[in-house]
Amino acid sequence: MFTGIIEASGKVIDLQQESGNRHFTIQSAISHELRVDQSVSHNGVCLTVVHVNADTHTVTAIDETLKRSNLGALHIGDQINLERCMQINGRLDGHIVQGHVDTTAQLKQVEESEGSWLLTFGFDPQFSKYIVDKGSITINGISLTVFNEHNGTFQVAIIPYTWEHTNLSKLSIGNSVNIEFDIIGKYVEKMMREKK
């Protein structure tokens, strides 16, 4: 389980394909602190560490993960958001994040607004039921507040710290991001469906 508060930024330094799986080697400031079998969020995707070196670690994504997320589009040199799993005695600074990507969205517009940034994303409208105005959403592993959802788009506002310390500032129009909707809404939907 994660909180959506990005701990570090990593750089993809190697990609290896093995059948339907892809191995990612990431260089980051926290890589040396990781251990094999540890769960780490990579752009919001929970992946297991399979190898650790001095300043790098390697994770493996299966074919299903590559299809459902933006990890399949990563290239060597790309920046990736990292978060280790939540400690049970820690603060929940963001919201409850599982690291299970629901879908992707595409960046439509970036507007600078008095020191912050307003990002507009397009997404499949079938998922609009999971978006609540001023509710939580996870984008590339970042816990954010969502608003102005309508007609297959939504917006988030980004403060300077998040802009500088995550890969959101590296996005170009049309780029894909990983989306995880708030788990509470999904549980409520399932309970209401089974109640009928």
C-alpha atoms as a PDB file:
ATOM      1  CA  MET A   1       0.000   0.000   0.000  1.00  0.00           C
ATOM      2  CA  PHE A   2       1.186   3.510  -0.846  1.00  0.00           C
ATOM      3  CA  THR A   3       0.164   7.094  -0.122  1.00  0.00           C
ATOM      4  CA  GLY A   4       0.834   8.809  -3.443  1.00  0.00           C
ATOM      5  CA  ILE A   5       3.561  11.024  -1.969  1.00  0.00           C
ATOM      6  CA  ILE A   6       6.527  10.632  -4.311  1.00  0.00           C
ATOM      7  CA  GLU A   7       9.732   9.841  -2.467  1.00  0.00           C
ATOM      8  CA  ALA A   8      12.279  10.074  -5.264  1.00  0.00           C
ATOM      9  CA  SER A   9      12.730  10.416  -8.975  1.00  0.00           C
ATOM     10  CA  GLY A  10      14.540   7.693 -10.873  1.00  0.00           C
ATOM     11  CA  LYS A  11      15.983   7.385 -14.365  1.00  0.00           C
ATOM     12  CA  VAL A  12      15.516   4.368 -16.624  1.00  0.00           C
ATOM     13  CA  ILE A  13      19.039   3.246 -17.562  1.00  0.00           C
ATOM     14  CA  ASP A  14      18.332  -0.172 -19.070  1.00  0.00           C
ATOM     15  CA  LEU A  15      15.426  -2.109 -20.597  1.00  0.00           C
ATOM     16  CA  GLN A  16      15.473  -5.821 -21.310  1.00  0.00           C
ATOM     17  CA  GLN A  17      12.655  -7.777 -22.957  1.00  0.00           C
ATOM     18  CA  GLU A  18      12.176 -11.433 -21.961  1.00  0.00           C
ATOM     19  CA  SER A  19       9.209 -13.084 -23.664  1.00  0.00           C
ATOM     20  CA  GLY A  20       6.193 -11.008 -22.533  1.00  0.00           C
ATOM     21  CA  ASN A  21       8.049  -9.484 -19.573  1.00  0.00           C
ATOM     22  CA  ARG A  22      10.142  -6.330 -19.498  1.00  0.00           C
ATOM     23  CA  HIS A  23      12.936  -5.713 -16.984  1.00  0.00           C
ATOM     24  CA  PHE A  24      13.549  -2.075 -16.015  1.00  0.00           C
ATOM     25  CA  THR A  25      16.785  -0.980 -14.371  1.00  0.00           C
ATOM     26  CA  ILE A  26      16.326   2.300 -12.522  1.00  0.00           C
ATOM     27  CA  GLN A  27      18.979   4.627 -11.121  1.00  0.00           C
ATOM     28  CA  SER A  28      17.835   6.630  -8.102  1.00  0.00           C
ATOM     29  CA  ALA A  29      18.858   8.079  -4.758  1.00  0.00           C
ATOM     30  CA  ILE A  30      16.884   5.381  -2.893  1.00  0.00           C
ATOM     31  CA  SER A  31      17.937   2.333  -4.947  1.00  0.00           C
ATOM     32  CA  HIS A  32      20.727   1.387  -2.526  1.00  0.00           C
ATOM     33  CA  GLU A  33      18.199   1.300   0.343  1.00  0.00           C
ATOM     34  CA  LEU A  34      15.899  -1.182  -1.404  1.00  0.00           C
ATOM     35  CA  ARG A  35      15.936  -4.940  -0.982  1.00  0.00           C
ATOM     36  CA  VAL A  36      14.987  -7.823  -3.241  1.00  0.00           C
ATOM     37  CA  ASP A  37      11.261  -8.749  -2.901  1.00  0.00           C
ATOM     38  CA  GLN A  38      10.320  -5.219  -1.779  1.00  0.00           C
ATOM     39  CA  SER A  39       7.287  -3.562  -3.376  1.00  0.00           C
ATOM     40  CA  VAL A  40       7.958  -0.144  -4.893  1.00  0.00           C
ATOM     41  CA  SER A  41       5.607   2.118  -6.834  1.00  0.00           C
ATOM     42  CA  HIS A  42       6.985   3.055 -10.278  1.00  0.00           C
ATOM     43  CA  ASN A  43       4.802   5.753 -11.885  1.00  0.00           C
ATOM     44  CA  GLY A  44       2.019   4.395  -9.686  1.00  0.00           C
ATOM     45  CA  VAL A  45       2.546   0.737 -10.594  1.00  0.00           C
ATOM     46  CA  CYS A  46       3.425  -1.615  -7.734  1.00  0.00           C
ATOM     47  CA  LEU A  47       6.427  -3.675  -8.888  1.00  0.00           C
ATOM     48  CA  THR A  48       8.700  -6.114  -7.035  1.00  0.00           C
ATOM     49  CA  VAL A  49      12.420  -5.388  -6.788  1.00  0.00           C
ATOM     50  CA  VAL A  50      14.349  -8.319  -8.284  1.00  0.00           C
ATOM     51  CA  HIS A  51      17.926  -6.950  -8.125  1.00  0.00           C
ATOM     52  CA  VAL A  52      19.741  -4.166  -6.247  1.00  0.00           C
ATOM     53  CA  ASN A  53      23.102  -2.610  -7.061  1.00  0.00           C
ATOM     54  CA  ALA A  54      24.995   0.371  -5.623  1.00  0.00           C
ATOM     55  CA  ASP A  55      22.721   3.061  -7.072  1.00  0.00           C
ATOM     56  CA  THR A  56      20.337   1.023  -9.243  1.00  0.00           C
ATOM     57  CA  HIS A  57      17.553  -1.484  -8.856  1.00  0.00           C
ATOM     58  CA  THR A  58      15.716  -3.726 -11.302  1.00  0.00           C
ATOM     59  CA  VAL A  59      12.014  -4.559 -11.472  1.00  0.00           C
ATOM     60  CA  THR A  60       9.975  -6.691 -13.859  1.00  0.00           C
ATOM     61  CA  ALA A  61       6.635  -5.833 -15.439  1.00  0.00           C
ATOM     62  CA  ILE A  62       4.520  -8.595 -16.979  1.00  0.00           C
ATOM     63  CA  ASP A  63       2.670  -8.221 -20.267  1.00  0.00           C
ATOM     64  CA  GLU A  64      -0.665  -7.368 -18.583  1.00  0.00           C
ATOM     65  CA  THR A  65       0.987  -4.524 -16.648  1.00  0.00           C
ATOM     66  CA  LEU A  66       2.647  -3.176 -19.798  1.00  0.00           C
ATOM     67  CA  LYS A  67      -0.698  -3.142 -21.614  1.00  0.00           C
ATOM     68  CA  ARG A  68      -2.625  -1.474 -18.774  1.00  0.00           C
ATOM     69  CA  SER A  69      -0.067   1.217 -17.881  1.00  0.00           C
ATOM     70  CA  ASN A  70       2.384   3.606 -19.516  1.00  0.00           C
ATOM     71  CA  LEU A  71       5.391   1.493 -18.544  1.00  0.00           C
ATOM     72  CA  GLY A  72       5.482  -0.098 -21.977  1.00  0.00           C
ATOM     73  CA  ALA A  73       6.171   3.331 -23.496  1.00  0.00           C
ATOM     74  CA  LEU A  74       9.198   4.094 -21.306  1.00  0.00           C
ATOM     75  CA  HIS A  75      12.596   4.572 -22.943  1.00  0.00           C
ATOM     76  CA  ILE A  76      16.139   4.706 -21.599  1.00  0.00           C
ATOM     77  CA  GLY A  77      16.666   8.132 -20.038  1.00  0.00           C
ATOM     78  CA  ASP A  78      13.017   8.632 -19.053  1.00  0.00           C
ATOM     79  CA  GLN A  79      12.250   9.884 -15.557  1.00  0.00           C
ATOM     80  CA  ILE A  80      10.035   7.768 -13.295  1.00  0.00           C
ATOM     81  CA  ASN A  81       8.290   8.566  -9.983  1.00  0.00           C
ATOM     82  CA  LEU A  82       9.194   6.269  -7.067  1.00  0.00           C
ATOM     83  CA  GLU A  83       7.570   5.570  -3.704  1.00  0.00           C
ATOM     84  CA  ARG A  84       8.315   2.814  -1.243  1.00  0.00           C
ATOM     85  CA  CYS A  85       5.367   1.139   0.472  1.00  0.00           C
ATOM     86  CA  MET A  86       3.777   2.859   3.430  1.00  0.00           C
ATOM     87  CA  GLN A  87       5.063   2.078   6.906  1.00  0.00           C
ATOM     88  CA  ILE A  88       2.284   1.103   9.280  1.00  0.00           C
ATOM     89  CA  ASN A  89       3.452   3.689  11.845  1.00  0.00           C
ATOM     90  CA  GLY A  90       3.739   6.502   9.298  1.00  0.00           C
ATOM     91  CA  ARG A  91       1.425   9.361   8.364  1.00  0.00           C
ATOM     92  CA  LEU A  92      -1.002   8.925   5.472  1.00  0.00           C
ATOM     93  CA  ASP A  93      -0.118  12.229   3.803  1.00  0.00           C
ATOM     94  CA  GLY A  94      -1.833  11.495   0.480  1.00  0.00           C
ATOM     95  CA  HIS A  95      -4.586   8.890   0.223  1.00  0.00           C
ATOM     96  CA  ILE A  96      -4.810   5.087   0.114  1.00  0.00           C
ATOM     97  CA  VAL A  97      -3.064   3.958  -3.081  1.00  0.00           C
ATOM     98  CA  GLN A  98      -2.730   0.303  -4.049  1.00  0.00           C
ATOM     99  CA  GLY A  99      -0.358   0.632  -6.980  1.00  0.00           C
ATOM    100  CA  HIS A 100      -2.912  -1.087  -9.243  1.00  0.00           C
ATOM    101  CA  VAL A 101      -3.399   1.054 -12.334  1.00  0.00           C
ATOM    102  CA  ASP A 102      -7.004   1.260 -13.600  1.00  0.00           C
ATOM    103  CA  THR A 103      -6.384   2.959 -16.924  1.00  0.00           C
ATOM    104  CA  THR A 104      -4.303   5.618 -18.643  1.00  0.00           C
ATOM    105  CA  ALA A 105      -5.118   9.218 -19.562  1.00  0.00           C
ATOM    106  CA  GLN A 106      -3.557  11.581 -22.086  1.00  0.00           C
ATOM    107  CA  LEU A 107      -2.291  15.083 -21.364  1.00  0.00           C
ATOM    108  CA  LYS A 108      -4.412  17.581 -23.301  1.00  0.00           C
ATOM    109  CA  GLN A 109      -3.308  20.974 -21.984  1.00  0.00           C
ATOM    110  CA  VAL A 110      -0.862  22.642 -19.574  1.00  0.00           C
ATOM    111  CA  GLU A 111      -1.552  26.154 -18.278  1.00  0.00           C
ATOM    112  CA  GLU A 112       0.699  28.109 -15.945  1.00  0.00           C
ATOM    113  CA  SER A 113      -1.391  29.915 -13.346  1.00  0.00           C
ATOM    114  CA  GLU A 114       0.253  32.305 -10.884  1.00  0.00           C
ATOM    115  CA  GLY A 115       3.092  29.989  -9.879  1.00  0.00           C
ATOM    116  CA  SER A 116       1.248  26.699 -10.226  1.00  0.00           C
ATOM    117  CA  TRP A 117       0.231  24.577 -13.212  1.00  0.00           C
ATOM    118  CA  LEU A 118      -3.190  23.433 -14.350  1.00  0.00           C
ATOM    119  CA  LEU A 119      -3.110  20.135 -16.248  1.00  0.00           C
ATOM    120  CA  THR A 120      -6.024  18.825 -18.307  1.00  0.00           C
ATOM    121  CA  PHE A 121      -6.223  15.117 -19.108  1.00  0.00           C
ATOM    122  CA  GLY A 122      -8.458  13.169 -21.465  1.00  0.00           C
ATOM    123  CA  PHE A 123      -9.650   9.716 -20.432  1.00  0.00           C
ATOM    124  CA  ASP A 124     -12.220   7.036 -21.259  1.00  0.00           C
ATOM    125  CA  PRO A 125     -15.560   8.455 -20.007  1.00  0.00           C
ATOM    126  CA  GLN A 126     -16.644   5.019 -18.734  1.00  0.00           C
ATOM    127  CA  PHE A 127     -14.420   5.746 -15.709  1.00  0.00           C
ATOM    128  CA  SER A 128     -16.075   9.090 -14.899  1.00  0.00           C
ATOM    129  CA  LYS A 129     -18.158   7.411 -12.172  1.00  0.00           C
ATOM    130  CA  TYR A 130     -14.956   7.097 -10.104  1.00  0.00           C
ATOM    131  CA  ILE A 131     -14.143  10.807 -10.200  1.00  0.00           C
ATOM    132  CA  VAL A 132     -15.597  13.019  -7.483  1.00  0.00           C
ATOM    133  CA  ASP A 133     -15.017  16.765  -7.630  1.00  0.00           C
ATOM    134  CA  LYS A 134     -12.314  17.649  -5.076  1.00  0.00           C
ATOM    135  CA  GLY A 135     -11.734  13.931  -4.519  1.00  0.00           C
ATOM    136  CA  SER A 136      -8.476  11.990  -4.778  1.00  0.00           C
ATOM    137  CA  ILE A 137      -6.879  10.548  -7.899  1.00  0.00           C
ATOM    138  CA  THR A 138      -3.453   9.039  -8.502  1.00  0.00           C
ATOM    139  CA  ILE A 139      -1.532  10.160 -11.601  1.00  0.00           C
ATOM    140  CA  ASN A 140       1.818   8.434 -12.268  1.00  0.00           C
ATOM    141  CA  GLY A 141       1.775   7.485  -8.586  1.00  0.00           C
ATOM    142  CA  ILE A 142       1.109  11.028  -7.329  1.00  0.00           C
ATOM    143  CA  SER A 143      -1.823  11.662  -4.992  1.00  0.00           C
ATOM    144  CA  LEU A 144      -3.698  14.679  -6.399  1.00  0.00           C
ATOM    145  CA  THR A 145      -7.046  16.437  -6.073  1.00  0.00           C
ATOM    146  CA  VAL A 146      -9.222  16.189  -9.180  1.00  0.00           C
ATOM    147  CA  PHE A 147     -11.783  18.713 -10.394  1.00  0.00           C
ATOM    148  CA  ASN A 148     -13.682  19.950 -13.479  1.00  0.00           C
ATOM    149  CA  GLU A 149     -14.488  16.453 -14.761  1.00  0.00           C
ATOM    150  CA  HIS A 150     -16.797  16.433 -17.772  1.00  0.00           C
ATOM    151  CA  ASN A 151     -17.006  14.997 -21.287  1.00  0.00           C
ATOM    152  CA  GLY A 152     -14.012  12.716 -20.863  1.00  0.00           C
ATOM    153  CA  THR A 153     -11.632  15.261 -19.345  1.00  0.00           C
ATOM    154  CA  PHE A 154     -10.548  16.277 -15.847  1.00  0.00           C
ATOM    155  CA  GLN A 155      -8.080  18.719 -14.343  1.00  0.00           C
ATOM    156  CA  VAL A 156      -5.516  18.781 -11.537  1.00  0.00           C
ATOM    157  CA  ALA A 157      -3.523  21.693 -10.122  1.00  0.00           C
ATOM    158  CA  ILE A 158       0.189  21.183  -9.494  1.00  0.00           C
ATOM    159  CA  ILE A 159       2.167  23.142  -6.900  1.00  0.00           C
ATOM    160  CA  PRO A 160       5.801  24.102  -7.622  1.00  0.00           C
ATOM    161  CA  TYR A 161       7.261  21.414  -5.318  1.00  0.00           C
ATOM    162  CA  THR A 162       5.385  18.615  -7.120  1.00  0.00           C
ATOM    163  CA  TRP A 163       6.238  20.141 -10.516  1.00  0.00           C
ATOM    164  CA  GLU A 164       9.947  20.171  -9.653  1.00  0.00           C
ATOM    165  CA  HIS A 165      10.169  16.772  -7.913  1.00  0.00           C
ATOM    166  CA  THR A 166       8.086  14.505 -10.179  1.00  0.00           C
ATOM    167  CA  ASN A 167       7.960  13.664 -13.873  1.00  0.00           C
ATOM    168  CA  LEU A 168       4.833  15.766 -14.524  1.00  0.00           C
ATOM    169  CA  SER A 169       7.015  18.652 -15.725  1.00  0.00           C
ATOM    170  CA  LYS A 170       8.549  16.330 -18.345  1.00  0.00           C
ATOM    171  CA  LEU A 171       5.202  15.482 -19.979  1.00  0.00           C
ATOM    172  CA  SER A 172       4.355  16.640 -23.481  1.00  0.00           C
ATOM    173  CA  ILE A 173       0.876  17.052 -24.950  1.00  0.00           C
ATOM    174  CA  GLY A 174      -0.456  13.621 -25.867  1.00  0.00           C
ATOM    175  CA  ASN A 175       1.740  11.730 -23.388  1.00  0.00           C
ATOM    176  CA  SER A 176       0.084   8.925 -21.452  1.00  0.00           C
ATOM    177  CA  VAL A 177      -0.079   8.811 -17.639  1.00  0.00           C
ATOM    178  CA  ASN A 178      -1.123   6.021 -15.284  1.00  0.00           C
ATOM    179  CA  ILE A 179      -4.392   6.521 -13.414  1.00  0.00           C
ATOM    180  CA  GLU A 180      -5.571   4.809 -10.235  1.00  0.00           C
ATOM    181  CA  PHE A 181      -8.973   5.859  -8.943  1.00  0.00           C
ATOM    182  CA  ASP A 182      -9.801   6.026  -5.241  1.00  0.00           C
ATOM    183  CA  ILE A 183     -10.305   2.481  -3.933  1.00  0.00           C
ATOM    184  CA  ILE A 184     -13.171   3.560  -1.645  1.00  0.00           C
ATOM    185  CA  GLY A 185     -15.352   4.493  -4.624  1.00  0.00           C
ATOM    186  CA  LYS A 186     -14.704   1.134  -6.262  1.00  0.00           C
ATOM    187  CA  TYR A 187     -15.728  -0.735  -3.100  1.00  0.00           C
ATOM    188  CA  VAL A 188     -18.896   1.344  -2.781  1.00  0.00           C
ATOM    189  CA  GLU A 189     -19.770   0.621  -6.419  1.00  0.00           C
ATOM    190  CA  LYS A 190     -19.324  -3.134  -5.898  1.00  0.00           C
ATOM    191  CA  MET A 191     -21.433  -3.170  -2.732  1.00  0.00           C
ATOM    192  CA  MET A 192     -24.231  -1.185  -4.396  1.00  0.00           C
ATOM    193  CA  ARG A 193     -24.182  -3.480  -7.424  1.00  0.00           C
ATOM    194  CA  GLU A 194     -24.422  -6.615  -5.289  1.00  0.00           C
ATOM    195  CA  LYS A 195     -27.198  -5.082  -3.187  1.00  0.00           C
ATOM    196  CA  LYS A 196     -29.552  -4.941  -6.201  1.00  0.00           C
END
